């Protein structure tokens, strides 16, 4: 069965494989981990080797939801040459983010 959606987090519980397309080409083809935490949030600080306008405008530093991890990492992989450090730390569920 194929599910096409822009709402990645809604479909994640229904699938075991994700294909992402960009400009008519498959840019991501991956399996979904069985232990995916739908409600998890991750703080994702990035350190860039040099400043880049595309990375700055993509909102890559901040919080990423559990279901968006795969899409986020796919986007970051396109800029891997700019990265000098990336870290994903799960946020304690008791902490309220604003």
C-alpha atoms as a PDB file:
ATOM      1  CA  UNK A   1       0.000   0.000   0.000  1.00  0.00           C
ATOM      2  CA  UNK A   2       1.287   3.487  -0.795  1.00  0.00           C
ATOM      3  CA  UNK A   3       0.370   6.471   1.351  1.00  0.00           C
ATOM      4  CA  UNK A   4       1.253   9.898  -0.024  1.00  0.00           C
ATOM      5  CA  UNK A   5       1.209  12.703   2.521  1.00  0.00           C
ATOM      6  CA  UNK A   6       2.877  15.942   3.491  1.00  0.00           C
ATOM      7  CA  UNK A   7       1.902  15.235   7.104  1.00  0.00           C
ATOM      8  CA  UNK A   8       4.788  12.929   7.893  1.00  0.00           C
ATOM      9  CA  UNK A   9       3.979  12.470  11.584  1.00  0.00           C
ATOM     10  CA  UNK A  10       0.413  11.268  10.917  1.00  0.00           C
ATOM     11  CA  UNK A  11       1.474   8.433   8.632  1.00  0.00           C
ATOM     12  CA  UNK A  12       4.536   7.254  10.537  1.00  0.00           C
ATOM     13  CA  UNK A  13       2.610   4.865  12.781  1.00  0.00           C
ATOM     14  CA  UNK A  14       1.172   3.163   9.677  1.00  0.00           C
ATOM     15  CA  UNK A  15       4.351   2.522   7.696  1.00  0.00           C
ATOM     16  CA  UNK A  16       7.626   0.627   7.883  1.00  0.00           C
ATOM     17  CA  UNK A  17       9.325   2.340   4.935  1.00  0.00           C
ATOM     18  CA  UNK A  18       9.606   5.998   3.934  1.00  0.00           C
ATOM     19  CA  UNK A  19      10.355   7.416   0.489  1.00  0.00           C
ATOM     20  CA  UNK A  20      10.892  11.162   0.168  1.00  0.00           C
ATOM     21  CA  UNK A  21      10.851  12.858  -3.206  1.00  0.00           C
ATOM     22  CA  UNK A  22      12.351  16.150  -4.255  1.00  0.00           C
ATOM     23  CA  UNK A  23      12.210  17.633  -7.750  1.00  0.00           C
ATOM     24  CA  UNK A  24      10.729  14.412  -9.117  1.00  0.00           C
ATOM     25  CA  UNK A  25      13.521  12.210  -7.748  1.00  0.00           C
ATOM     26  CA  UNK A  26      13.701   9.936  -4.709  1.00  0.00           C
ATOM     27  CA  UNK A  27      15.974  11.692  -2.218  1.00  0.00           C
ATOM     28  CA  UNK A  28      15.327   9.414   0.762  1.00  0.00           C
ATOM     29  CA  UNK A  29      14.475   5.697   0.898  1.00  0.00           C
ATOM     30  CA  UNK A  30      14.628   4.235   4.373  1.00  0.00           C
ATOM     31  CA  UNK A  31      13.035   1.829   6.796  1.00  0.00           C
ATOM     32  CA  UNK A  32      11.273   3.097   9.909  1.00  0.00           C
ATOM     33  CA  UNK A  33      12.670   1.825  13.205  1.00  0.00           C
ATOM     34  CA  UNK A  34      10.257  -0.310  15.196  1.00  0.00           C
ATOM     35  CA  UNK A  35      10.958   1.539  18.441  1.00  0.00           C
ATOM     36  CA  UNK A  36      10.000   4.966  17.072  1.00  0.00           C
ATOM     37  CA  UNK A  37       8.736   7.214  19.866  1.00  0.00           C
ATOM     38  CA  UNK A  38       5.950   9.279  18.377  1.00  0.00           C
ATOM     39  CA  UNK A  39       5.802  11.688  21.300  1.00  0.00           C
ATOM     40  CA  UNK A  40       9.568  12.182  21.711  1.00  0.00           C
ATOM     41  CA  UNK A  41      11.158  15.589  21.184  1.00  0.00           C
ATOM     42  CA  UNK A  42      14.833  16.193  20.475  1.00  0.00           C
ATOM     43  CA  UNK A  43      17.009  19.261  20.901  1.00  0.00           C
ATOM     44  CA  UNK A  44      19.268  19.427  17.845  1.00  0.00           C
ATOM     45  CA  UNK A  45      22.147  21.887  18.026  1.00  0.00           C
ATOM     46  CA  UNK A  46      24.230  22.053  14.845  1.00  0.00           C
ATOM     47  CA  UNK A  47      27.675  23.539  14.422  1.00  0.00           C
ATOM     48  CA  UNK A  48      28.529  24.625  10.904  1.00  0.00           C
ATOM     49  CA  UNK A  49      32.036  24.733   9.466  1.00  0.00           C
ATOM     50  CA  UNK A  50      31.042  27.978   7.729  1.00  0.00           C
ATOM     51  CA  UNK A  51      27.965  30.186   7.571  1.00  0.00           C
ATOM     52  CA  UNK A  52      25.377  29.306   4.934  1.00  0.00           C
ATOM     53  CA  UNK A  53      22.131  31.136   4.131  1.00  0.00           C
ATOM     54  CA  UNK A  54      20.255  27.954   3.123  1.00  0.00           C
ATOM     55  CA  UNK A  55      20.997  26.243   6.431  1.00  0.00           C
ATOM     56  CA  UNK A  56      20.170  29.366   8.406  1.00  0.00           C
ATOM     57  CA  UNK A  57      16.750  29.689   6.761  1.00  0.00           C
ATOM     58  CA  UNK A  58      15.823  26.009   7.095  1.00  0.00           C
ATOM     59  CA  UNK A  59      15.265  26.128  10.859  1.00  0.00           C
ATOM     60  CA  UNK A  60      17.709  23.320  11.564  1.00  0.00           C
ATOM     61  CA  UNK A  61      18.655  24.373  15.077  1.00  0.00           C
ATOM     62  CA  UNK A  62      15.978  23.806  17.657  1.00  0.00           C
ATOM     63  CA  UNK A  63      13.519  21.056  18.456  1.00  0.00           C
ATOM     64  CA  UNK A  64      12.669  18.103  16.212  1.00  0.00           C
ATOM     65  CA  UNK A  65       9.747  15.767  16.955  1.00  0.00           C
ATOM     66  CA  UNK A  66      10.252  11.997  16.989  1.00  0.00           C
ATOM     67  CA  UNK A  67       8.313  11.422  13.756  1.00  0.00           C
ATOM     68  CA  UNK A  68      10.233  14.202  11.975  1.00  0.00           C
ATOM     69  CA  UNK A  69      13.687  12.750  12.735  1.00  0.00           C
ATOM     70  CA  UNK A  70      13.915  10.866   9.458  1.00  0.00           C
ATOM     71  CA  UNK A  71      12.881  13.844   7.340  1.00  0.00           C
ATOM     72  CA  UNK A  72      15.172  16.151   9.334  1.00  0.00           C
ATOM     73  CA  UNK A  73      18.192  13.887   8.864  1.00  0.00           C
ATOM     74  CA  UNK A  74      17.415  13.619   5.142  1.00  0.00           C
ATOM     75  CA  UNK A  75      17.443  17.405   4.864  1.00  0.00           C
ATOM     76  CA  UNK A  76      20.647  17.723   6.901  1.00  0.00           C
ATOM     77  CA  UNK A  77      22.370  15.111   4.720  1.00  0.00           C
ATOM     78  CA  UNK A  78      22.148  17.496   1.767  1.00  0.00           C
ATOM     79  CA  UNK A  79      24.321  19.962   3.733  1.00  0.00           C
ATOM     80  CA  UNK A  80      26.720  17.465   5.303  1.00  0.00           C
ATOM     81  CA  UNK A  81      29.717  19.310   3.838  1.00  0.00           C
ATOM     82  CA  UNK A  82      28.873  22.314   6.014  1.00  0.00           C
ATOM     83  CA  UNK A  83      28.548  20.407   9.290  1.00  0.00           C
ATOM     84  CA  UNK A  84      31.301  20.139  11.837  1.00  0.00           C
ATOM     85  CA  UNK A  85      29.034  18.808  14.625  1.00  0.00           C
ATOM     86  CA  UNK A  86      25.468  17.568  15.085  1.00  0.00           C
ATOM     87  CA  UNK A  87      23.848  16.245  18.235  1.00  0.00           C
ATOM     88  CA  UNK A  88      20.358  14.945  19.032  1.00  0.00           C
ATOM     89  CA  UNK A  89      19.401  14.950  22.705  1.00  0.00           C
ATOM     90  CA  UNK A  90      15.999  13.614  23.754  1.00  0.00           C
ATOM     91  CA  UNK A  91      14.086  16.174  25.785  1.00  0.00           C
ATOM     92  CA  UNK A  92      12.743  14.963  29.128  1.00  0.00           C
ATOM     93  CA  UNK A  93       8.965  14.451  28.631  1.00  0.00           C
ATOM     94  CA  UNK A  94       8.330  16.289  31.911  1.00  0.00           C
ATOM     95  CA  UNK A  95       9.873  19.480  30.472  1.00  0.00           C
ATOM     96  CA  UNK A  96       7.468  21.835  28.705  1.00  0.00           C
ATOM     97  CA  UNK A  97       8.981  23.537  25.671  1.00  0.00           C
ATOM     98  CA  UNK A  98       7.809  26.971  24.591  1.00  0.00           C
END
